[in-house]
Amino acid sequence: MRVKFAYAVSIAAAVAMATACGKKSDGGAGTEASAASSAAAPAAAAPASAATVVKIGHVAPLTGLQAHLGKDNENGARLAVEEISAQGLTIDGRAIHLELDAQDDGADPRVGTEAAQRLVDDHVVAVIGHLNSGVSIPASKIYSDANVAQISPSTTNPEYTKQGYKTTFRVVATDALQGPVLADYAMKTLHVKKVVIVDDTSAYGRGLADEFAKTVEAGGVKVIAREATSEKARNFKAILTKIKRAQPDAVMYGGMDVTGGPFAKEAAALGIKAKILAGDGVCTDKVVELAGDAVQNLVCSEAGLALSKMDKGADFSQKYEARFHTPVQIYAPFTYDAVYVIVDAMKRANSIEAPKVLAAIASTDFNGLTGHIAFDDKGDLKAGTITLYDFKDKKKNVLDVVKQ
């Protein structure tokens, strides 16, 4: 399926599209910020009559329980798009005006594939997304069939890039690294002898739990129980009662913050003293609110370098908060970099045609906010990083940084 991925617009059409985009996809970032962006961006960019509009797709859950994470991802991409358009961009002698085509997948695989098709139909040059492994994996076929690059800023399940598609990339490490790092911490720092593993049955949660289990078992640790809950669970008493009786040295939880936070809180209420270990889905600022005082018993990982450890992390945080009036949750820096990777590919290809941009993305060699970005033949980072955290005074505190 071939489609044209750019088109020149008249003054009236460009203004209409800019207005529609602002109304449609900036919701949640704040009315004041939205209005400021809509007014400022066209003035800084090339005149509409001279500019070619190029759409970059972004897709994540903007509604539902994970909307705070999806909006964080969208905000990071939007910040980069606005910066680049304000600075001015020329490709193949043409002034380019970037637009972010933001779609909501609701963290649902069915909705996600529909959103993916809409982005393809909208003639995007490339896509940033999805947030969740369980949505990225089925949606990836849509992008592959259309020959459109998909760069995920937060999909960690290894299967995402093992499907044989040439269109799948990610700018974070995989659970094949994240699971073992959590397991090594459990064995070498906590010196655990027996653990219980719980997951939310999602592609992400179960995949991370499996990687953790393989590593601890290989290290001689006994997995005394594997329990399953769901992405929408609110009551964990039955599982936690079993865990209390089993008396493990640690509990590993594979899931997101919306369930991981309450899980930790209920565990503490039942008097469970075992340390709770979790991955990047739980490792957000919001988990502090969700877990309450129990967050002090949580150790979690992030599939990338901590914002506080990035050379320009403080500058990014300041720009982000000034624009969106809220702090970074977790992966906004990675969506920000994904936009710059796409634009870097456009420049090297000297093209705004999706297939040519896709080919250039594969050979990316880019130093971004999050670190050096280069992909292997599957689309994974050649050098991934995992950051481990605990919580001090209810704030994330870096314990260790592990590089591949």
Protein backbone atom coordinates (compact mmCIF):
# COMPACT_ATOMS: atom_id res chain seq x y z
CA MET A 1 0.00 0.00 0.00
CA ARG A 2 1.60 3.28 -1.11
CA VAL A 3 0.32 6.64 -0.13
CA LYS A 4 1.59 10.20 -0.50
CA PHE A 5 2.90 11.45 2.80
CA ALA A 6 2.99 15.22 2.32
CA TYR A 7 1.01 17.84 0.61
CA ALA A 8 1.15 21.56 0.08
CA VAL A 9 -1.61 23.54 1.65
CA SER A 10 -3.14 26.90 0.95
CA ILE A 11 -3.31 29.63 3.58
CA ALA A 12 -6.91 28.84 4.45
CA ALA A 13 -6.36 25.09 4.62
CA ALA A 14 -3.26 25.39 6.78
CA VAL A 15 -4.99 27.67 9.25
CA ALA A 16 -7.97 25.33 9.43
CA MET A 17 -5.76 22.30 9.97
CA ALA A 18 -3.69 24.02 12.65
CA THR A 19 -6.86 25.04 14.46
CA ALA A 20 -8.39 21.57 14.19
CA CYS A 21 -5.19 19.90 15.40
CA GLY A 22 -5.00 22.18 18.41
CA LYS A 23 -8.60 21.45 19.38
CA LYS A 24 -8.41 17.75 18.79
CA SER A 25 -5.14 16.61 20.28
CA ASP A 26 -4.02 19.14 22.89
CA GLY A 27 -6.79 18.34 25.37
CA GLY A 28 -5.46 17.71 28.84
CA ALA A 29 -2.37 19.86 28.44
CA GLY A 30 -4.20 22.91 29.78
CA THR A 31 -6.40 25.45 28.02
CA GLU A 32 -3.93 28.27 28.59
CA ALA A 33 -0.99 26.29 27.18
CA SER A 34 -3.05 25.08 24.25
CA ALA A 35 -4.09 28.59 23.29
CA ALA A 36 -0.53 29.86 23.62
CA SER A 37 0.78 27.09 21.38
CA SER A 38 -1.89 27.62 18.71
CA ALA A 39 -1.09 31.32 18.59
CA ALA A 40 2.69 30.99 18.69
CA ALA A 41 3.52 28.04 16.41
CA PRO A 42 2.25 29.40 13.05
CA ALA A 43 4.01 32.75 13.61
CA ALA A 44 7.34 31.03 14.22
CA ALA A 45 7.02 28.56 11.36
CA ALA A 46 7.18 29.24 7.65
CA PRO A 47 4.19 31.07 6.10
CA ALA A 48 1.36 28.62 5.46
CA SER A 49 1.29 29.41 1.74
CA ALA A 50 4.93 28.34 1.41
CA ALA A 51 4.99 25.40 3.82
CA THR A 52 4.41 21.71 3.25
CA VAL A 53 2.59 20.10 6.13
CA VAL A 54 4.11 16.84 7.36
CA LYS A 55 2.27 14.84 9.98
CA ILE A 56 4.01 12.75 12.62
CA GLY A 57 1.65 10.29 14.31
CA HIS A 58 1.47 9.72 18.03
CA VAL A 59 -0.75 7.14 19.70
CA ALA A 60 -1.22 6.24 23.37
CA PRO A 61 -4.04 5.94 25.91
CA LEU A 62 -5.50 9.43 26.36
CA THR A 63 -8.58 8.12 28.16
CA GLY A 64 -8.97 5.47 30.83
CA LEU A 65 -6.81 4.41 33.75
CA GLN A 66 -3.50 4.97 31.95
CA ALA A 67 -4.33 8.37 30.45
CA HIS A 68 -1.77 10.14 32.67
CA LEU A 69 0.99 8.07 31.07
CA GLY A 70 -0.37 8.42 27.55
CA LYS A 71 -0.68 12.18 27.88
CA ASP A 72 2.86 12.37 29.26
CA ASN A 73 4.10 10.56 26.14
CA GLU A 74 2.07 12.81 23.87
CA ASN A 75 3.35 15.94 25.60
CA GLY A 76 6.96 14.96 25.03
CA ALA A 77 6.35 14.47 21.31
CA ARG A 78 4.36 17.70 21.06
CA LEU A 79 7.14 19.68 22.71
CA ALA A 80 9.63 18.46 20.10
CA VAL A 81 7.25 19.13 17.19
CA GLU A 82 6.63 22.68 18.39
CA GLU A 83 10.34 23.35 18.87
CA ILE A 84 11.30 22.10 15.43
CA SER A 85 8.50 23.98 13.68
CA ALA A 86 9.40 27.18 15.53
CA GLN A 87 13.07 26.84 14.54
CA GLY A 88 12.20 26.16 10.91
CA LEU A 89 12.74 22.99 8.91
CA THR A 90 13.63 22.61 5.23
CA ILE A 91 13.69 19.28 3.38
CA ASP A 92 14.61 18.98 -0.31
CA GLY A 93 14.35 22.74 -0.71
CA ARG A 94 10.84 22.93 0.77
CA ALA A 95 9.83 24.63 4.01
CA ILE A 96 8.23 22.03 6.28
CA HIS A 97 5.57 22.61 8.92
CA LEU A 98 5.32 19.65 11.32
CA GLU A 99 2.03 18.64 12.88
CA LEU A 100 1.43 16.04 15.58
CA ASP A 101 -1.44 13.74 14.67
CA ALA A 102 -2.42 12.46 18.13
CA GLN A 103 -4.67 9.43 18.50
CA ASP A 104 -6.14 7.67 21.54
CA ASP A 105 -5.81 3.88 21.79
CA GLY A 106 -7.32 3.55 25.28
CA ALA A 107 -4.64 0.94 26.11
CA ASP A 108 -6.86 -1.49 24.20
CA PRO A 109 -5.53 -3.71 21.37
CA ARG A 110 -8.72 -3.44 19.27
CA VAL A 111 -8.92 0.33 19.62
CA GLY A 112 -5.17 0.50 19.03
CA THR A 113 -5.31 -1.20 15.66
CA GLU A 114 -8.14 1.12 14.62
CA ALA A 115 -6.06 4.13 15.70
CA ALA A 116 -3.10 2.75 13.76
CA GLN A 117 -5.19 2.52 10.60
CA ARG A 118 -6.38 6.11 11.08
CA LEU A 119 -2.78 7.29 11.26
CA VAL A 120 -1.92 5.42 8.07
CA ASP A 121 -5.01 6.91 6.38
CA ASP A 122 -3.89 10.36 7.60
CA HIS A 123 -0.67 9.92 5.60
CA VAL A 124 1.72 10.32 8.54
CA VAL A 125 5.42 10.16 7.76
CA ALA A 126 6.08 7.95 10.82
CA VAL A 127 4.43 6.98 14.11
CA ILE A 128 5.51 7.30 17.73
CA GLY A 129 3.72 4.72 19.90
CA HIS A 130 2.16 2.78 21.36
CA LEU A 131 2.60 3.04 25.12
CA ASN A 132 1.69 -0.57 25.93
CA SER A 133 3.31 -3.75 24.62
CA GLY A 134 -0.11 -5.38 24.34
CA VAL A 135 -1.22 -2.65 21.92
CA SER A 136 2.06 -2.04 20.08
CA ILE A 137 2.40 -5.67 19.05
CA PRO A 138 -0.94 -6.10 17.22
CA ALA A 139 -0.83 -2.55 15.80
CA SER A 140 2.65 -3.11 14.36
CA LYS A 141 1.26 -5.14 11.45
CA ILE A 142 -0.79 -2.15 10.30
CA TYR A 143 2.33 0.00 10.06
CA SER A 144 4.33 -2.79 8.46
CA ASP A 145 1.71 -3.29 5.75
CA ALA A 146 1.79 0.46 5.03
CA ASN A 147 5.60 0.70 5.13
CA VAL A 148 5.43 3.33 7.88
CA ALA A 149 8.02 3.42 10.68
CA GLN A 150 6.77 2.83 14.22
CA ILE A 151 9.01 4.00 17.07
CA SER A 152 7.78 3.01 20.50
CA PRO A 153 8.98 5.06 23.46
CA SER A 154 7.85 2.57 26.10
CA THR A 155 7.09 -0.88 24.66
CA THR A 156 9.45 -3.27 26.47
CA ASN A 157 8.16 -6.76 25.61
CA PRO A 158 10.92 -8.40 23.48
CA GLU A 159 8.32 -9.91 21.12
CA TYR A 160 7.52 -6.48 19.65
CA THR A 161 10.69 -6.47 17.55
CA LYS A 162 10.90 -10.24 17.03
CA GLN A 163 8.06 -10.40 14.51
CA GLY A 164 10.26 -9.84 11.48
CA TYR A 165 8.83 -6.43 10.55
CA LYS A 166 11.27 -3.85 9.22
CA THR A 167 9.12 -1.01 10.58
CA THR A 168 9.38 -1.62 14.34
CA PHE A 169 11.81 0.37 16.48
CA ARG A 170 12.03 1.38 20.13
CA VAL A 171 14.06 3.93 22.06
CA VAL A 172 14.02 2.07 25.39
CA ALA A 173 15.57 -1.16 26.62
CA THR A 174 13.58 -4.40 26.55
CA ASP A 175 12.37 -6.66 29.34
CA ALA A 176 15.12 -9.08 28.36
CA LEU A 177 17.35 -6.57 30.15
CA GLN A 178 14.86 -5.08 32.62
CA GLY A 179 13.74 -8.42 34.11
CA PRO A 180 17.28 -9.64 34.82
CA VAL A 181 18.30 -6.29 36.33
CA LEU A 182 15.42 -6.50 38.81
CA ALA A 183 16.29 -10.14 39.47
CA ASP A 184 19.98 -9.34 40.06
CA TYR A 185 18.97 -6.68 42.57
CA ALA A 186 16.78 -9.21 44.36
CA MET A 187 19.59 -11.78 44.51
CA LYS A 188 22.69 -9.65 45.03
CA THR A 189 21.35 -6.80 47.14
CA LEU A 190 18.33 -8.26 48.93
CA HIS A 191 19.86 -11.78 49.04
CA VAL A 192 16.44 -13.38 48.53
CA LYS A 193 15.98 -17.15 48.71
CA LYS A 194 12.28 -17.38 47.86
CA VAL A 195 9.98 -15.05 45.94
CA VAL A 196 6.37 -14.75 44.83
CA ILE A 197 5.64 -13.37 41.35
CA VAL A 198 2.37 -11.61 40.47
CA ASP A 199 1.41 -10.19 37.07
CA ASP A 200 -1.61 -8.46 35.54
CA THR A 201 -1.83 -10.94 32.59
CA SER A 202 -1.03 -8.22 30.03
CA ALA A 203 1.65 -8.75 27.38
CA TYR A 204 3.81 -6.32 29.31
CA GLY A 205 3.18 -7.52 32.85
CA ARG A 206 3.44 -11.22 32.13
CA GLY A 207 6.42 -10.76 29.81
CA LEU A 208 8.39 -8.85 32.43
CA ALA A 209 7.44 -11.38 35.13
CA ASP A 210 8.62 -14.24 32.90
CA GLU A 211 12.01 -12.59 32.35
CA PHE A 212 12.39 -12.00 36.09
CA ALA A 213 11.40 -15.59 36.86
CA LYS A 214 13.92 -17.08 34.41
CA THR A 215 16.77 -15.14 35.96
CA VAL A 216 16.02 -15.79 39.62
CA GLU A 217 15.40 -19.49 39.00
CA ALA A 218 18.71 -19.74 37.14
CA GLY A 219 20.31 -18.11 40.18
CA GLY A 220 18.94 -20.72 42.56
CA VAL A 221 16.06 -18.66 44.00
CA LYS A 222 12.82 -20.54 44.57
CA VAL A 223 9.66 -19.10 43.01
CA ILE A 224 7.19 -20.37 45.61
CA ALA A 225 4.10 -19.06 43.80
CA ARG A 226 2.94 -17.34 40.59
CA GLU A 227 -0.28 -15.39 40.89
CA ALA A 228 -2.33 -13.54 38.29
CA THR A 229 -4.57 -10.50 38.60
CA SER A 230 -5.90 -8.13 35.91
CA GLU A 231 -5.18 -4.67 34.52
CA LYS A 232 -8.41 -3.39 36.09
CA ALA A 233 -8.15 -5.08 39.50
CA ARG A 234 -8.85 -2.98 42.58
CA ASN A 235 -8.86 -5.58 45.35
CA PHE A 236 -5.86 -7.84 45.95
CA LYS A 237 -6.81 -9.28 49.33
CA ALA A 238 -7.11 -12.91 48.17
CA ILE A 239 -3.68 -12.91 46.50
CA LEU A 240 -2.03 -10.97 49.31
CA THR A 241 -3.45 -13.30 51.96
CA LYS A 242 -1.75 -16.22 50.18
CA ILE A 243 1.47 -14.22 49.96
CA LYS A 244 1.38 -13.43 53.67
CA ARG A 245 1.07 -17.13 54.49
CA ALA A 246 3.93 -18.01 52.10
CA GLN A 247 6.28 -15.45 53.70
CA PRO A 248 8.52 -14.75 50.67
CA ASP A 249 11.65 -12.64 50.90
CA ALA A 250 10.37 -10.43 48.04
CA VAL A 251 7.35 -10.04 45.78
CA MET A 252 7.76 -9.16 42.11
CA TYR A 253 4.79 -7.36 40.51
CA GLY A 254 4.43 -7.15 36.73
CA GLY A 255 1.92 -4.47 35.78
CA MET A 256 1.16 -0.74 35.71
CA ASP A 257 1.06 1.92 38.41
CA VAL A 258 -2.76 1.99 38.54
CA THR A 259 -2.70 -1.53 39.99
CA GLY A 260 0.84 -1.72 41.36
CA GLY A 261 0.30 1.23 43.70
CA PRO A 262 -2.85 -0.18 45.34
CA PHE A 263 -1.20 -3.63 45.45
CA ALA A 264 1.70 -2.23 47.50
CA LYS A 265 -0.68 -0.27 49.72
CA GLU A 266 -2.83 -3.31 50.51
CA ALA A 267 0.27 -5.44 51.12
CA ALA A 268 1.47 -2.97 53.75
CA ALA A 269 -2.00 -2.86 55.35
CA LEU A 270 -1.86 -6.65 55.73
CA GLY A 271 1.52 -6.45 57.41
CA ILE A 272 3.55 -7.92 54.54
CA LYS A 273 7.18 -6.82 55.06
CA ALA A 274 8.68 -8.36 51.91
CA LYS A 275 10.15 -5.83 49.48
CA ILE A 276 7.99 -5.29 46.39
CA LEU A 277 9.84 -5.15 43.06
CA ALA A 278 8.26 -3.77 39.89
CA GLY A 279 9.11 -2.58 36.39
CA ASP A 280 8.71 0.68 34.51
CA GLY A 281 4.91 0.48 34.32
CA VAL A 282 4.82 1.03 38.08
CA CYS A 283 7.86 3.34 38.28
CA THR A 284 6.04 6.67 37.89
CA ASP A 285 5.51 9.75 40.04
CA LYS A 286 1.82 8.86 40.29
CA VAL A 287 2.59 5.60 42.11
CA VAL A 288 3.49 7.71 45.16
CA GLU A 289 -0.09 8.92 45.32
CA LEU A 290 -1.49 5.45 44.62
CA ALA A 291 0.67 3.54 47.12
CA GLY A 292 0.79 6.14 49.88
CA ASP A 293 3.28 5.39 52.66
CA ALA A 294 3.76 1.87 51.25
CA VAL A 295 5.81 3.34 48.40
CA GLN A 296 8.76 3.28 50.82
CA ASN A 297 8.76 -0.53 50.42
CA LEU A 298 8.90 -0.41 46.63
CA VAL A 299 11.90 -0.80 44.32
CA CYS A 300 11.21 -0.29 40.63
CA SER A 301 13.03 0.00 37.33
CA GLU A 302 12.82 2.24 34.28
CA ALA A 303 13.82 1.01 30.82
CA GLY A 304 16.03 4.00 30.14
CA LEU A 305 18.26 6.59 31.76
CA ALA A 306 16.75 8.60 34.62
CA LEU A 307 15.77 12.16 33.71
CA SER A 308 17.99 13.39 36.56
CA LYS A 309 20.98 11.63 34.96
CA MET A 310 20.48 13.04 31.47
CA ASP A 311 22.92 15.83 30.59
CA LYS A 312 20.07 18.18 29.66
CA GLY A 313 17.42 16.58 31.84
CA ALA A 314 16.93 19.64 34.05
CA ASP A 315 16.45 21.89 31.01
CA PHE A 316 13.91 19.48 29.54
CA SER A 317 12.03 19.26 32.82
CA GLN A 318 11.84 23.04 33.02
CA LYS A 319 10.60 23.40 29.43
CA TYR A 320 8.09 20.61 29.90
CA GLU A 321 6.60 22.07 33.07
CA ALA A 322 6.47 25.57 31.60
CA ARG A 323 4.55 24.26 28.57
CA PHE A 324 2.22 21.72 30.20
CA HIS A 325 2.04 22.85 33.85
CA THR A 326 2.69 19.35 35.18
CA PRO A 327 5.86 17.36 35.91
CA VAL A 328 7.23 14.61 33.66
CA GLN A 329 5.78 11.20 34.56
CA ILE A 330 8.27 8.86 32.90
CA TYR A 331 8.70 8.50 29.13
CA ALA A 332 8.12 12.02 27.75
CA PRO A 333 11.88 12.44 27.14
CA PHE A 334 11.80 9.34 24.93
CA THR A 335 8.88 10.53 22.79
CA TYR A 336 10.69 13.86 22.50
CA ASP A 337 13.77 12.06 21.18
CA ALA A 338 11.65 9.89 18.86
CA VAL A 339 10.45 13.03 17.05
CA TYR A 340 14.03 14.19 16.61
CA VAL A 341 15.02 10.74 15.30
CA ILE A 342 12.28 10.98 12.66
CA VAL A 343 13.32 14.50 11.64
CA ASP A 344 16.98 13.44 11.54
CA ALA A 345 15.96 10.62 9.17
CA MET A 346 14.00 13.05 6.99
CA LYS A 347 17.07 15.25 6.71
CA ARG A 348 19.41 12.37 5.87
CA ALA A 349 16.96 10.95 3.34
CA ASN A 350 16.26 14.47 2.04
CA SER A 351 12.69 13.28 1.76
CA ILE A 352 9.29 13.37 3.44
CA GLU A 353 8.17 10.10 1.85
CA ALA A 354 7.48 7.51 4.54
CA PRO A 355 9.36 4.58 2.90
CA LYS A 356 12.51 6.68 2.44
CA VAL A 357 12.27 8.02 5.99
CA LEU A 358 11.81 4.44 7.25
CA ALA A 359 15.00 3.34 5.47
CA ALA A 360 16.93 6.22 7.03
CA ILE A 361 15.62 5.50 10.55
CA ALA A 362 17.17 2.04 10.38
CA SER A 363 20.63 3.64 10.10
CA THR A 364 20.09 6.19 12.87
CA ASP A 365 23.20 7.37 14.73
CA PHE A 366 21.83 10.16 16.91
CA ASN A 367 22.83 11.74 20.21
CA GLY A 368 19.60 12.75 21.90
CA LEU A 369 18.34 13.92 25.25
CA THR A 370 18.06 10.32 26.48
CA GLY A 371 21.48 9.28 25.20
CA HIS A 372 22.93 7.73 22.06
CA ILE A 373 20.33 6.17 19.76
CA ALA A 374 21.28 3.50 17.22
CA PHE A 375 19.25 0.44 16.28
CA ASP A 376 20.21 -3.16 15.67
CA ASP A 377 18.77 -5.23 12.83
CA LYS A 378 15.55 -5.88 14.78
CA GLY A 379 14.97 -2.24 15.69
CA ASP A 380 16.11 -2.49 19.30
CA LEU A 381 18.62 -0.09 20.83
CA LYS A 382 22.17 -1.33 20.41
CA ALA A 383 22.92 -0.17 23.94
CA GLY A 384 20.01 -0.17 26.38
CA THR A 385 19.99 1.25 29.90
CA ILE A 386 18.00 0.33 33.01
CA THR A 387 17.65 2.65 36.00
CA LEU A 388 16.72 1.26 39.42
CA TYR A 389 14.87 3.39 41.96
CA ASP A 390 13.63 3.33 45.49
CA PHE A 391 11.61 6.07 47.19
CA LYS A 392 12.90 8.49 49.80
CA ASP A 393 10.43 10.87 51.42
CA LYS A 394 7.94 9.77 48.75
CA LYS A 395 10.21 10.83 45.88
CA LYS A 396 11.97 8.64 43.33
CA ASN A 397 15.62 8.11 44.20
CA VAL A 398 18.16 6.57 41.80
CA LEU A 399 19.70 3.40 43.21
CA ASP A 400 21.71 2.24 40.21
CA VAL A 401 22.12 2.64 36.45
CA VAL A 402 22.82 -0.56 34.51
CA LYS A 403 23.99 -0.32 30.91
CA GLN A 404 23.81 -3.12 28.36
